[in-house]
């Protein structure tokens, strides 16, 4: 039986310092029936030139869009998605690195059942400037399996976005929801599972998730939180059976906002967000996170060293 075709979907924007490693890691996968679809969003640096060099060297492996207009994250995702022709689509960040055997192992997982529509795996989170490992992503979000989108909605993620592969037939006709200009990957995954498909993971670490200043600022931005909140309202409106899960997700989002505000010493706004979180989930478990933020820096570092992932700040602040 022939291996099904897999498309690796990559979007880029001003990532010339990372794109070589990203493309190289996708091209070098030991899976023959593979296309790498990379769409640049009007970069002003050398990213398009680097991508075009790869298309010349690997014309049968790399499909590139480097002369399109700037569409933003979601628009660029759809532009790349429309060029994907695989039975499965693997998502890869333009600054992240895939590790050997990733594609093969995920395809093997899908082959066990037609009901399987989303597969992910663990990733190593590393500091870009030093190349040093920070942690495994599973330390922030333990790997789980299931059916349907409830857990994905409540937790806001299964794993790092760059670890996800989906069955193309599960993707909605509109692809990534254009009502979410920045953070559309979460709803994209929810949409793939709305039909009640199965999701799960393969054991092992098969990607490296790069942590650097640009993606850290993205996660703390106003648009980031607005898109996350909008996702919960869209899902709740379109699929009322997930209303409770959406409320739990909103509680988590408001909790993240409260911690960000407390970090900036905007305590009044932090308390307001905290109360919104409590109202959505009827839970007081965010309070330790707020208290943690108010502790002296040296004490926070000691607690993180002693207790790691159990610290509330870490559980609320990472999408």
C-alpha atoms as a PDB file:
ATOM      1  CA  UNK A   1       0.000   0.000   0.000  1.00  0.00           C
ATOM      2  CA  UNK A   2       1.358   3.436  -0.979  1.00  0.00           C
ATOM      3  CA  UNK A   3       2.009   6.009   1.711  1.00  0.00           C
ATOM      4  CA  UNK A   4      -0.659   8.743   1.757  1.00  0.00           C
ATOM      5  CA  UNK A   5       0.507  12.190   0.759  1.00  0.00           C
ATOM      6  CA  UNK A   6       1.327  14.608   3.590  1.00  0.00           C
ATOM      7  CA  UNK A   7       1.533  18.386   3.282  1.00  0.00           C
ATOM      8  CA  UNK A   8       3.645  20.331   5.760  1.00  0.00           C
ATOM      9  CA  UNK A   9       2.044  23.786   6.063  1.00  0.00           C
ATOM     10  CA  UNK A  10       4.440  26.597   7.019  1.00  0.00           C
ATOM     11  CA  UNK A  11       3.713  30.314   7.224  1.00  0.00           C
ATOM     12  CA  UNK A  12       6.480  32.890   7.562  1.00  0.00           C
ATOM     13  CA  UNK A  13       6.921  36.597   8.150  1.00  0.00           C
ATOM     14  CA  UNK A  14      10.345  38.212   8.666  1.00  0.00           C
ATOM     15  CA  UNK A  15      11.934  35.002   9.939  1.00  0.00           C
ATOM     16  CA  UNK A  16      15.180  34.967   7.978  1.00  0.00           C
ATOM     17  CA  UNK A  17      17.150  33.946  11.082  1.00  0.00           C
ATOM     18  CA  UNK A  18      14.997  30.836  11.590  1.00  0.00           C
ATOM     19  CA  UNK A  19      13.631  29.736   8.212  1.00  0.00           C
ATOM     20  CA  UNK A  20      16.696  27.723   7.161  1.00  0.00           C
ATOM     21  CA  UNK A  21      16.391  25.425  10.172  1.00  0.00           C
ATOM     22  CA  UNK A  22      12.625  25.205   9.728  1.00  0.00           C
ATOM     23  CA  UNK A  23      12.673  24.239   6.057  1.00  0.00           C
ATOM     24  CA  UNK A  24      15.639  21.918   6.417  1.00  0.00           C
ATOM     25  CA  UNK A  25      13.893  19.970   9.185  1.00  0.00           C
ATOM     26  CA  UNK A  26      10.764  19.494   7.063  1.00  0.00           C
ATOM     27  CA  UNK A  27      12.559  18.606   3.832  1.00  0.00           C
ATOM     28  CA  UNK A  28      14.778  16.050   5.576  1.00  0.00           C
ATOM     29  CA  UNK A  29      11.865  13.999   6.938  1.00  0.00           C
ATOM     30  CA  UNK A  30      12.266  10.321   5.994  1.00  0.00           C
ATOM     31  CA  UNK A  31       8.878  10.208   4.275  1.00  0.00           C
ATOM     32  CA  UNK A  32       8.858  10.169   0.487  1.00  0.00           C
ATOM     33  CA  UNK A  33       5.291  11.250  -0.324  1.00  0.00           C
ATOM     34  CA  UNK A  34       5.677  14.696   1.228  1.00  0.00           C
ATOM     35  CA  UNK A  35       5.234  18.266   0.072  1.00  0.00           C
ATOM     36  CA  UNK A  36       6.392  21.326   2.009  1.00  0.00           C
ATOM     37  CA  UNK A  37       4.050  24.261   1.397  1.00  0.00           C
ATOM     38  CA  UNK A  38       5.477  27.540   2.649  1.00  0.00           C
ATOM     39  CA  UNK A  39       3.717  30.891   2.328  1.00  0.00           C
ATOM     40  CA  UNK A  40       5.516  34.126   3.120  1.00  0.00           C
ATOM     41  CA  UNK A  41       3.359  37.058   4.226  1.00  0.00           C
ATOM     42  CA  UNK A  42       5.199  39.888   2.501  1.00  0.00           C
ATOM     43  CA  UNK A  43       8.402  39.807   4.538  1.00  0.00           C
ATOM     44  CA  UNK A  44      10.687  42.833   4.326  1.00  0.00           C
ATOM     45  CA  UNK A  45      13.818  40.863   5.237  1.00  0.00           C
ATOM     46  CA  UNK A  46      15.610  38.034   3.432  1.00  0.00           C
ATOM     47  CA  UNK A  47      13.012  35.343   4.156  1.00  0.00           C
ATOM     48  CA  UNK A  48      11.539  35.162   0.603  1.00  0.00           C
ATOM     49  CA  UNK A  49      15.002  34.868  -0.965  1.00  0.00           C
ATOM     50  CA  UNK A  50      15.901  31.960   1.304  1.00  0.00           C
ATOM     51  CA  UNK A  51      12.605  30.201   0.551  1.00  0.00           C
ATOM     52  CA  UNK A  52      13.070  30.631  -3.206  1.00  0.00           C
ATOM     53  CA  UNK A  53      16.526  29.083  -2.976  1.00  0.00           C
ATOM     54  CA  UNK A  54      14.945  25.965  -1.473  1.00  0.00           C
ATOM     55  CA  UNK A  55      12.335  25.754  -4.244  1.00  0.00           C
ATOM     56  CA  UNK A  56      15.135  25.763  -6.812  1.00  0.00           C
ATOM     57  CA  UNK A  57      17.052  23.028  -4.983  1.00  0.00           C
ATOM     58  CA  UNK A  58      13.984  20.915  -4.177  1.00  0.00           C
ATOM     59  CA  UNK A  59      11.385  21.656  -6.884  1.00  0.00           C
ATOM     60  CA  UNK A  60       9.527  18.392  -6.267  1.00  0.00           C
ATOM     61  CA  UNK A  61       9.509  18.790  -2.491  1.00  0.00           C
ATOM     62  CA  UNK A  62       8.902  22.497  -1.825  1.00  0.00           C
ATOM     63  CA  UNK A  63       5.945  24.582  -2.991  1.00  0.00           C
ATOM     64  CA  UNK A  64       6.366  28.261  -2.137  1.00  0.00           C
ATOM     65  CA  UNK A  65       4.326  31.467  -2.209  1.00  0.00           C
ATOM     66  CA  UNK A  66       6.688  34.414  -1.853  1.00  0.00           C
ATOM     67  CA  UNK A  67       5.162  37.239  -3.875  1.00  0.00           C
ATOM     68  CA  UNK A  68       1.745  37.596  -2.268  1.00  0.00           C
ATOM     69  CA  UNK A  69       0.349  40.539  -0.355  1.00  0.00           C
ATOM     70  CA  UNK A  70       0.402  40.763   3.429  1.00  0.00           C
ATOM     71  CA  UNK A  71      -2.734  38.998   4.699  1.00  0.00           C
ATOM     72  CA  UNK A  72      -1.939  38.564   8.379  1.00  0.00           C
ATOM     73  CA  UNK A  73      -1.590  35.263  10.203  1.00  0.00           C
ATOM     74  CA  UNK A  74      -4.999  33.752   9.451  1.00  0.00           C
ATOM     75  CA  UNK A  75      -5.138  34.939   5.846  1.00  0.00           C
ATOM     76  CA  UNK A  76      -1.664  33.555   5.229  1.00  0.00           C
ATOM     77  CA  UNK A  77      -2.630  30.233   6.814  1.00  0.00           C
ATOM     78  CA  UNK A  78      -5.539  29.920   4.379  1.00  0.00           C
ATOM     79  CA  UNK A  79      -3.342  30.911   1.453  1.00  0.00           C
ATOM     80  CA  UNK A  80      -0.976  28.074   2.315  1.00  0.00           C
ATOM     81  CA  UNK A  81      -3.828  25.666   3.080  1.00  0.00           C
ATOM     82  CA  UNK A  82      -5.337  26.172  -0.385  1.00  0.00           C
ATOM     83  CA  UNK A  83      -2.070  24.965  -1.912  1.00  0.00           C
ATOM     84  CA  UNK A  84      -1.887  21.798   0.182  1.00  0.00           C
ATOM     85  CA  UNK A  85      -2.814  18.607  -1.677  1.00  0.00           C
ATOM     86  CA  UNK A  86      -2.042  15.970   0.952  1.00  0.00           C
ATOM     87  CA  UNK A  87      -4.452  13.591   2.672  1.00  0.00           C
ATOM     88  CA  UNK A  88      -2.935  14.839   5.912  1.00  0.00           C
ATOM     89  CA  UNK A  89      -1.664  18.289   6.841  1.00  0.00           C
ATOM     90  CA  UNK A  90       1.094  18.867   9.391  1.00  0.00           C
ATOM     91  CA  UNK A  91       1.338  22.353  10.864  1.00  0.00           C
ATOM     92  CA  UNK A  92       4.806  23.800  11.389  1.00  0.00           C
ATOM     93  CA  UNK A  93       5.662  27.240  12.729  1.00  0.00           C
ATOM     94  CA  UNK A  94       8.046  29.265  10.582  1.00  0.00           C
ATOM     95  CA  UNK A  95      10.464  29.398  13.520  1.00  0.00           C
ATOM     96  CA  UNK A  96      10.088  25.818  14.784  1.00  0.00           C
ATOM     97  CA  UNK A  97      12.025  22.645  14.012  1.00  0.00           C
ATOM     98  CA  UNK A  98      10.721  19.165  13.230  1.00  0.00           C
ATOM     99  CA  UNK A  99      12.730  16.180  14.471  1.00  0.00           C
ATOM    100  CA  UNK A 100      13.429  12.944  12.542  1.00  0.00           C
ATOM    101  CA  UNK A 101      10.612  10.414  11.981  1.00  0.00           C
ATOM    102  CA  UNK A 102       7.825  12.828  12.973  1.00  0.00           C
ATOM    103  CA  UNK A 103       5.804  12.490   9.761  1.00  0.00           C
ATOM    104  CA  UNK A 104       6.218   8.716   9.527  1.00  0.00           C
ATOM    105  CA  UNK A 105       5.153   8.118  13.125  1.00  0.00           C
ATOM    106  CA  UNK A 106       2.063  10.314  12.853  1.00  0.00           C
ATOM    107  CA  UNK A 107       0.945   8.710   9.594  1.00  0.00           C
ATOM    108  CA  UNK A 108       1.298   5.304  11.271  1.00  0.00           C
ATOM    109  CA  UNK A 109      -0.985   6.518  14.073  1.00  0.00           C
ATOM    110  CA  UNK A 110      -3.646   7.650  11.601  1.00  0.00           C
ATOM    111  CA  UNK A 111      -3.481   4.366   9.693  1.00  0.00           C
ATOM    112  CA  UNK A 112      -4.945   2.458  12.630  1.00  0.00           C
ATOM    113  CA  UNK A 113      -8.417   3.985  12.258  1.00  0.00           C
ATOM    114  CA  UNK A 114     -10.374   6.174   9.832  1.00  0.00           C
ATOM    115  CA  UNK A 115     -11.968   7.830  12.870  1.00  0.00           C
ATOM    116  CA  UNK A 116      -8.634   9.373  13.862  1.00  0.00           C
ATOM    117  CA  UNK A 117      -8.572  13.007  12.703  1.00  0.00           C
ATOM    118  CA  UNK A 118      -5.971  14.827  14.833  1.00  0.00           C
ATOM    119  CA  UNK A 119      -2.597  13.664  16.084  1.00  0.00           C
ATOM    120  CA  UNK A 120       0.031  15.531  18.089  1.00  0.00           C
ATOM    121  CA  UNK A 121       3.115  14.812  20.179  1.00  0.00           C
ATOM    122  CA  UNK A 122       5.461  16.313  22.717  1.00  0.00           C
ATOM    123  CA  UNK A 123       7.905  19.094  21.852  1.00  0.00           C
ATOM    124  CA  UNK A 124      11.028  20.481  23.406  1.00  0.00           C
ATOM    125  CA  UNK A 125      10.640  24.158  24.309  1.00  0.00           C
ATOM    126  CA  UNK A 126      13.969  25.930  23.875  1.00  0.00           C
ATOM    127  CA  UNK A 127      15.368  29.427  24.242  1.00  0.00           C
ATOM    128  CA  UNK A 128      16.300  30.669  20.791  1.00  0.00           C
ATOM    129  CA  UNK A 129      19.245  32.876  21.760  1.00  0.00           C
ATOM    130  CA  UNK A 130      21.052  30.157  23.718  1.00  0.00           C
ATOM    131  CA  UNK A 131      19.570  27.028  22.090  1.00  0.00           C
ATOM    132  CA  UNK A 132      19.084  25.696  25.621  1.00  0.00           C
ATOM    133  CA  UNK A 133      16.119  23.519  26.535  1.00  0.00           C
ATOM    134  CA  UNK A 134      13.574  25.127  28.858  1.00  0.00           C
ATOM    135  CA  UNK A 135      11.240  22.171  29.317  1.00  0.00           C
ATOM    136  CA  UNK A 136       9.079  19.694  27.428  1.00  0.00           C
ATOM    137  CA  UNK A 137       5.706  21.080  26.384  1.00  0.00           C
ATOM    138  CA  UNK A 138       3.991  18.180  28.145  1.00  0.00           C
ATOM    139  CA  UNK A 139       5.145  19.631  31.470  1.00  0.00           C
ATOM    140  CA  UNK A 140       2.752  22.521  30.826  1.00  0.00           C
ATOM    141  CA  UNK A 141      -0.003  20.506  29.130  1.00  0.00           C
ATOM    142  CA  UNK A 142       0.029  16.742  29.773  1.00  0.00           C
ATOM    143  CA  UNK A 143      -0.677  14.675  26.663  1.00  0.00           C
ATOM    144  CA  UNK A 144      -4.215  13.275  26.452  1.00  0.00           C
ATOM    145  CA  UNK A 145      -6.379  11.350  23.979  1.00  0.00           C
ATOM    146  CA  UNK A 146     -10.105  11.445  23.412  1.00  0.00           C
ATOM    147  CA  UNK A 147     -13.046  11.991  21.114  1.00  0.00           C
ATOM    148  CA  UNK A 148     -14.551  15.349  20.173  1.00  0.00           C
ATOM    149  CA  UNK A 149     -13.382  18.857  21.129  1.00  0.00           C
ATOM    150  CA  UNK A 150     -14.454  19.263  24.784  1.00  0.00           C
ATOM    151  CA  UNK A 151     -11.019  18.820  26.369  1.00  0.00           C
ATOM    152  CA  UNK A 152      -9.389  20.936  23.671  1.00  0.00           C
ATOM    153  CA  UNK A 153     -11.846  23.751  24.370  1.00  0.00           C
ATOM    154  CA  UNK A 154     -11.429  23.598  28.146  1.00  0.00           C
ATOM    155  CA  UNK A 155      -7.637  23.382  28.094  1.00  0.00           C
ATOM    156  CA  UNK A 156      -7.217  25.762  25.118  1.00  0.00           C
ATOM    157  CA  UNK A 157      -4.628  23.422  23.629  1.00  0.00           C
ATOM    158  CA  UNK A 158      -3.641  19.790  23.378  1.00  0.00           C
ATOM    159  CA  UNK A 159       0.012  20.463  22.661  1.00  0.00           C
ATOM    160  CA  UNK A 160       2.181  22.948  20.790  1.00  0.00           C
ATOM    161  CA  UNK A 161       0.570  23.984  17.493  1.00  0.00           C
ATOM    162  CA  UNK A 162       3.670  22.937  15.574  1.00  0.00           C
ATOM    163  CA  UNK A 163       3.127  19.297  16.641  1.00  0.00           C
ATOM    164  CA  UNK A 164      -0.354  18.931  15.141  1.00  0.00           C
ATOM    165  CA  UNK A 165      -1.272  16.871  12.083  1.00  0.00           C
ATOM    166  CA  UNK A 166      -4.894  16.645  10.889  1.00  0.00           C
ATOM    167  CA  UNK A 167      -6.796  14.517   8.414  1.00  0.00           C
ATOM    168  CA  UNK A 168      -7.614  16.837   5.510  1.00  0.00           C
ATOM    169  CA  UNK A 169     -11.178  15.549   5.188  1.00  0.00           C
ATOM    170  CA  UNK A 170     -11.945  16.872   8.705  1.00  0.00           C
ATOM    171  CA  UNK A 171     -11.037  20.478   7.854  1.00  0.00           C
ATOM    172  CA  UNK A 172     -14.014  22.839   7.376  1.00  0.00           C
ATOM    173  CA  UNK A 173     -14.475  24.278   3.901  1.00  0.00           C
ATOM    174  CA  UNK A 174     -13.455  27.762   5.069  1.00  0.00           C
ATOM    175  CA  UNK A 175     -10.206  26.494   6.613  1.00  0.00           C
ATOM    176  CA  UNK A 176      -8.936  28.849   9.293  1.00  0.00           C
ATOM    177  CA  UNK A 177     -11.673  31.171  10.581  1.00  0.00           C
ATOM    178  CA  UNK A 178     -11.013  34.649   9.179  1.00  0.00           C
ATOM    179  CA  UNK A 179     -12.981  36.223  12.041  1.00  0.00           C
ATOM    180  CA  UNK A 180      -9.902  35.509  14.153  1.00  0.00           C
ATOM    181  CA  UNK A 181      -7.061  37.542  12.617  1.00  0.00           C
ATOM    182  CA  UNK A 182      -4.255  36.358  14.894  1.00  0.00           C
ATOM    183  CA  UNK A 183      -5.150  33.242  16.905  1.00  0.00           C
ATOM    184  CA  UNK A 184      -7.084  30.962  14.562  1.00  0.00           C
ATOM    185  CA  UNK A 185      -5.203  27.699  15.117  1.00  0.00           C
ATOM    186  CA  UNK A 186      -7.167  26.848  18.279  1.00  0.00           C
ATOM    187  CA  UNK A 187     -10.552  27.100  16.555  1.00  0.00           C
ATOM    188  CA  UNK A 188      -9.119  25.314  13.507  1.00  0.00           C
ATOM    189  CA  UNK A 189      -8.371  22.297  15.698  1.00  0.00           C
ATOM    190  CA  UNK A 190     -11.763  22.518  17.417  1.00  0.00           C
ATOM    191  CA  UNK A 191     -13.487  22.618  14.011  1.00  0.00           C
ATOM    192  CA  UNK A 192     -11.624  19.488  12.926  1.00  0.00           C
ATOM    193  CA  UNK A 193     -12.982  17.637  15.983  1.00  0.00           C
ATOM    194  CA  UNK A 194     -16.544  19.008  15.924  1.00  0.00           C
ATOM    195  CA  UNK A 195     -17.746  15.948  14.028  1.00  0.00           C
ATOM    196  CA  UNK A 196     -16.757  13.705  16.924  1.00  0.00           C
ATOM    197  CA  UNK A 197     -13.472  12.474  15.524  1.00  0.00           C
ATOM    198  CA  UNK A 198     -10.738  10.902  17.614  1.00  0.00           C
ATOM    199  CA  UNK A 199      -7.576  12.714  18.653  1.00  0.00           C
ATOM    200  CA  UNK A 200      -4.449  11.350  20.264  1.00  0.00           C
ATOM    201  CA  UNK A 201      -0.686  11.482  20.434  1.00  0.00           C
ATOM    202  CA  UNK A 202       2.419   9.528  19.588  1.00  0.00           C
ATOM    203  CA  UNK A 203       4.994   8.917  22.291  1.00  0.00           C
ATOM    204  CA  UNK A 204       8.226  10.835  22.072  1.00  0.00           C
ATOM    205  CA  UNK A 205       9.532  14.308  21.293  1.00  0.00           C
ATOM    206  CA  UNK A 206       9.323  15.094  17.577  1.00  0.00           C
ATOM    207  CA  UNK A 207       9.672  18.888  17.404  1.00  0.00           C
ATOM    208  CA  UNK A 208      11.459  21.824  18.962  1.00  0.00           C
ATOM    209  CA  UNK A 209       9.303  24.830  19.838  1.00  0.00           C
ATOM    210  CA  UNK A 210      11.344  28.019  19.702  1.00  0.00           C
ATOM    211  CA  UNK A 211      10.839  30.625  22.445  1.00  0.00           C
ATOM    212  CA  UNK A 212      11.924  34.151  21.549  1.00  0.00           C
ATOM    213  CA  UNK A 213      10.888  37.754  22.060  1.00  0.00           C
ATOM    214  CA  UNK A 214       8.423  37.995  19.175  1.00  0.00           C
ATOM    215  CA  UNK A 215       6.239  35.032  20.106  1.00  0.00           C
ATOM    216  CA  UNK A 216       6.337  35.983  23.792  1.00  0.00           C
ATOM    217  CA  UNK A 217       5.004  39.452  22.979  1.00  0.00           C
ATOM    218  CA  UNK A 218       2.352  37.912  20.741  1.00  0.00           C
ATOM    219  CA  UNK A 219       0.932  35.863  23.593  1.00  0.00           C
ATOM    220  CA  UNK A 220       0.667  38.916  25.820  1.00  0.00           C
ATOM    221  CA  UNK A 221      -0.994  41.130  23.206  1.00  0.00           C
ATOM    222  CA  UNK A 222      -4.512  42.507  23.341  1.00  0.00           C
ATOM    223  CA  UNK A 223      -5.384  40.869  20.008  1.00  0.00           C
ATOM    224  CA  UNK A 224      -4.253  37.497  21.311  1.00  0.00           C
ATOM    225  CA  UNK A 225      -6.704  37.623  24.203  1.00  0.00           C
ATOM    226  CA  UNK A 226      -9.478  39.075  22.031  1.00  0.00           C
ATOM    227  CA  UNK A 227      -9.154  36.212  19.538  1.00  0.00           C
ATOM    228  CA  UNK A 228      -9.146  33.611  22.291  1.00  0.00           C
ATOM    229  CA  UNK A 229     -12.305  35.073  23.831  1.00  0.00           C
ATOM    230  CA  UNK A 230     -13.949  35.376  20.409  1.00  0.00           C
ATOM    231  CA  UNK A 231     -13.200  31.701  19.765  1.00  0.00           C
ATOM    232  CA  UNK A 232     -15.185  30.682  22.834  1.00  0.00           C
ATOM    233  CA  UNK A 233     -18.162  32.822  21.819  1.00  0.00           C
ATOM    234  CA  UNK A 234     -18.124  31.558  18.229  1.00  0.00           C
ATOM    235  CA  UNK A 235     -17.959  27.912  19.294  1.00  0.00           C
ATOM    236  CA  UNK A 236     -20.635  28.404  21.949  1.00  0.00           C
ATOM    237  CA  UNK A 237     -22.962  30.048  19.418  1.00  0.00           C
ATOM    238  CA  UNK A 238     -22.384  27.486  16.680  1.00  0.00           C
ATOM    239  CA  UNK A 239     -22.380  24.404  18.949  1.00  0.00           C
ATOM    240  CA  UNK A 240     -24.430  25.057  22.098  1.00  0.00           C
ATOM    241  CA  UNK A 241     -23.589  21.627  23.522  1.00  0.00           C
ATOM    242  CA  UNK A 242     -20.103  22.979  24.260  1.00  0.00           C
ATOM    243  CA  UNK A 243     -21.301  25.998  26.283  1.00  0.00           C
ATOM    244  CA  UNK A 244     -19.903  24.720  29.590  1.00  0.00           C
ATOM    245  CA  UNK A 245     -16.524  23.934  28.045  1.00  0.00           C
ATOM    246  CA  UNK A 246     -16.442  27.441  26.543  1.00  0.00           C
ATOM    247  CA  UNK A 247     -17.139  29.002  29.932  1.00  0.00           C
ATOM    248  CA  UNK A 248     -14.254  27.074  31.446  1.00  0.00           C
ATOM    249  CA  UNK A 249     -12.016  28.274  28.625  1.00  0.00           C
ATOM    250  CA  UNK A 250     -13.072  31.890  29.196  1.00  0.00           C
ATOM    251  CA  UNK A 251     -12.235  31.505  32.873  1.00  0.00           C
ATOM    252  CA  UNK A 252      -8.752  30.391  31.860  1.00  0.00           C
ATOM    253  CA  UNK A 253      -8.384  33.322  29.440  1.00  0.00           C
ATOM    254  CA  UNK A 254      -9.495  35.891  32.006  1.00  0.00           C
ATOM    255  CA  UNK A 255      -7.119  34.237  34.444  1.00  0.00           C
ATOM    256  CA  UNK A 256      -4.217  34.691  32.044  1.00  0.00           C
ATOM    257  CA  UNK A 257      -5.181  38.324  31.572  1.00  0.00           C
ATOM    258  CA  UNK A 258      -5.333  38.820  35.352  1.00  0.00           C
ATOM    259  CA  UNK A 259      -1.842  37.412  35.807  1.00  0.00           C
ATOM    260  CA  UNK A 260      -0.434  39.531  32.961  1.00  0.00           C
ATOM    261  CA  UNK A 261      -1.955  42.641  34.526  1.00  0.00           C
ATOM    262  CA  UNK A 262      -0.693  41.755  37.989  1.00  0.00           C
ATOM    263  CA  UNK A 263       2.770  41.258  36.525  1.00  0.00           C
ATOM    264  CA  UNK A 264       2.600  44.822  35.213  1.00  0.00           C
ATOM    265  CA  UNK A 265       1.460  45.971  38.678  1.00  0.00           C
ATOM    266  CA  UNK A 266      -1.968  46.921  37.336  1.00  0.00           C
ATOM    267  CA  UNK A 267      -3.634  45.328  40.344  1.00  0.00           C
ATOM    268  CA  UNK A 268      -7.050  46.941  39.968  1.00  0.00           C
ATOM    269  CA  UNK A 269      -7.506  45.573  36.448  1.00  0.00           C
ATOM    270  CA  UNK A 270      -6.015  42.249  37.520  1.00  0.00           C
ATOM    271  CA  UNK A 271      -8.646  41.899  40.225  1.00  0.00           C
ATOM    272  CA  UNK A 272     -11.403  42.755  37.735  1.00  0.00           C
ATOM    273  CA  UNK A 273     -10.183  40.049  35.357  1.00  0.00           C
ATOM    274  CA  UNK A 274      -9.879  37.649  38.256  1.00  0.00           C
ATOM    275  CA  UNK A 275     -13.531  38.243  39.176  1.00  0.00           C
ATOM    276  CA  UNK A 276     -14.563  37.622  35.570  1.00  0.00           C
ATOM    277  CA  UNK A 277     -12.677  34.348  35.696  1.00  0.00           C
ATOM    278  CA  UNK A 278     -14.454  33.336  38.902  1.00  0.00           C
ATOM    279  CA  UNK A 279     -17.834  34.262  37.413  1.00  0.00           C
ATOM    280  CA  UNK A 280     -17.278  32.068  34.374  1.00  0.00           C
ATOM    281  CA  UNK A 281     -16.065  28.985  36.212  1.00  0.00           C
ATOM    282  CA  UNK A 282     -17.273  29.447  39.802  1.00  0.00           C
ATOM    283  CA  UNK A 283     -13.754  28.522  40.823  1.00  0.00           C
ATOM    284  CA  UNK A 284     -11.375  30.274  43.210  1.00  0.00           C
ATOM    285  CA  UNK A 285      -8.281  28.381  42.072  1.00  0.00           C
ATOM    286  CA  UNK A 286      -6.812  31.392  40.241  1.00  0.00           C
ATOM    287  CA  UNK A 287      -6.284  33.280  43.514  1.00  0.00           C
ATOM    288  CA  UNK A 288      -3.007  31.474  44.331  1.00  0.00           C
ATOM    289  CA  UNK A 289      -1.697  32.614  40.942  1.00  0.00           C
ATOM    290  CA  UNK A 290      -2.458  36.255  41.724  1.00  0.00           C
ATOM    291  CA  UNK A 291      -0.828  35.923  45.143  1.00  0.00           C
ATOM    292  CA  UNK A 292       2.185  34.262  43.512  1.00  0.00           C
ATOM    293  CA  UNK A 293       2.673  37.251  41.190  1.00  0.00           C
ATOM    294  CA  UNK A 294       2.719  39.598  44.184  1.00  0.00           C
ATOM    295  CA  UNK A 295       5.599  37.732  45.867  1.00  0.00           C
ATOM    296  CA  UNK A 296       9.166  39.082  45.670  1.00  0.00           C
ATOM    297  CA  UNK A 297      11.027  37.982  42.540  1.00  0.00           C
ATOM    298  CA  UNK A 298      13.615  35.909  44.395  1.00  0.00           C
ATOM    299  CA  UNK A 299      10.901  33.966  46.223  1.00  0.00           C
ATOM    300  CA  UNK A 300       9.006  33.328  42.967  1.00  0.00           C
ATOM    301  CA  UNK A 301      12.151  31.915  41.367  1.00  0.00           C
ATOM    302  CA  UNK A 302      12.724  29.639  44.351  1.00  0.00           C
ATOM    303  CA  UNK A 303       9.135  28.364  44.242  1.00  0.00           C
ATOM    304  CA  UNK A 304       9.361  27.699  40.500  1.00  0.00           C
ATOM    305  CA  UNK A 305      12.583  25.777  41.066  1.00  0.00           C
ATOM    306  CA  UNK A 306      10.989  23.718  43.836  1.00  0.00           C
ATOM    307  CA  UNK A 307       7.546  23.127  42.371  1.00  0.00           C
ATOM    308  CA  UNK A 308       7.937  23.748  38.634  1.00  0.00           C
ATOM    309  CA  UNK A 309       4.784  23.160  36.583  1.00  0.00           C
ATOM    310  CA  UNK A 310       2.486  23.203  39.631  1.00  0.00           C
ATOM    311  CA  UNK A 311       2.986  26.960  40.006  1.00  0.00           C
ATOM    312  CA  UNK A 312      -0.268  28.682  38.971  1.00  0.00           C
ATOM    313  CA  UNK A 313       1.490  31.321  36.858  1.00  0.00           C
ATOM    314  CA  UNK A 314       2.857  28.672  34.514  1.00  0.00           C
ATOM    315  CA  UNK A 315      -0.488  26.912  34.116  1.00  0.00           C
ATOM    316  CA  UNK A 316      -2.436  30.025  33.166  1.00  0.00           C
ATOM    317  CA  UNK A 317      -0.033  32.036  31.065  1.00  0.00           C
ATOM    318  CA  UNK A 318       0.859  29.610  28.271  1.00  0.00           C
ATOM    319  CA  UNK A 319      -1.549  28.945  25.406  1.00  0.00           C
END
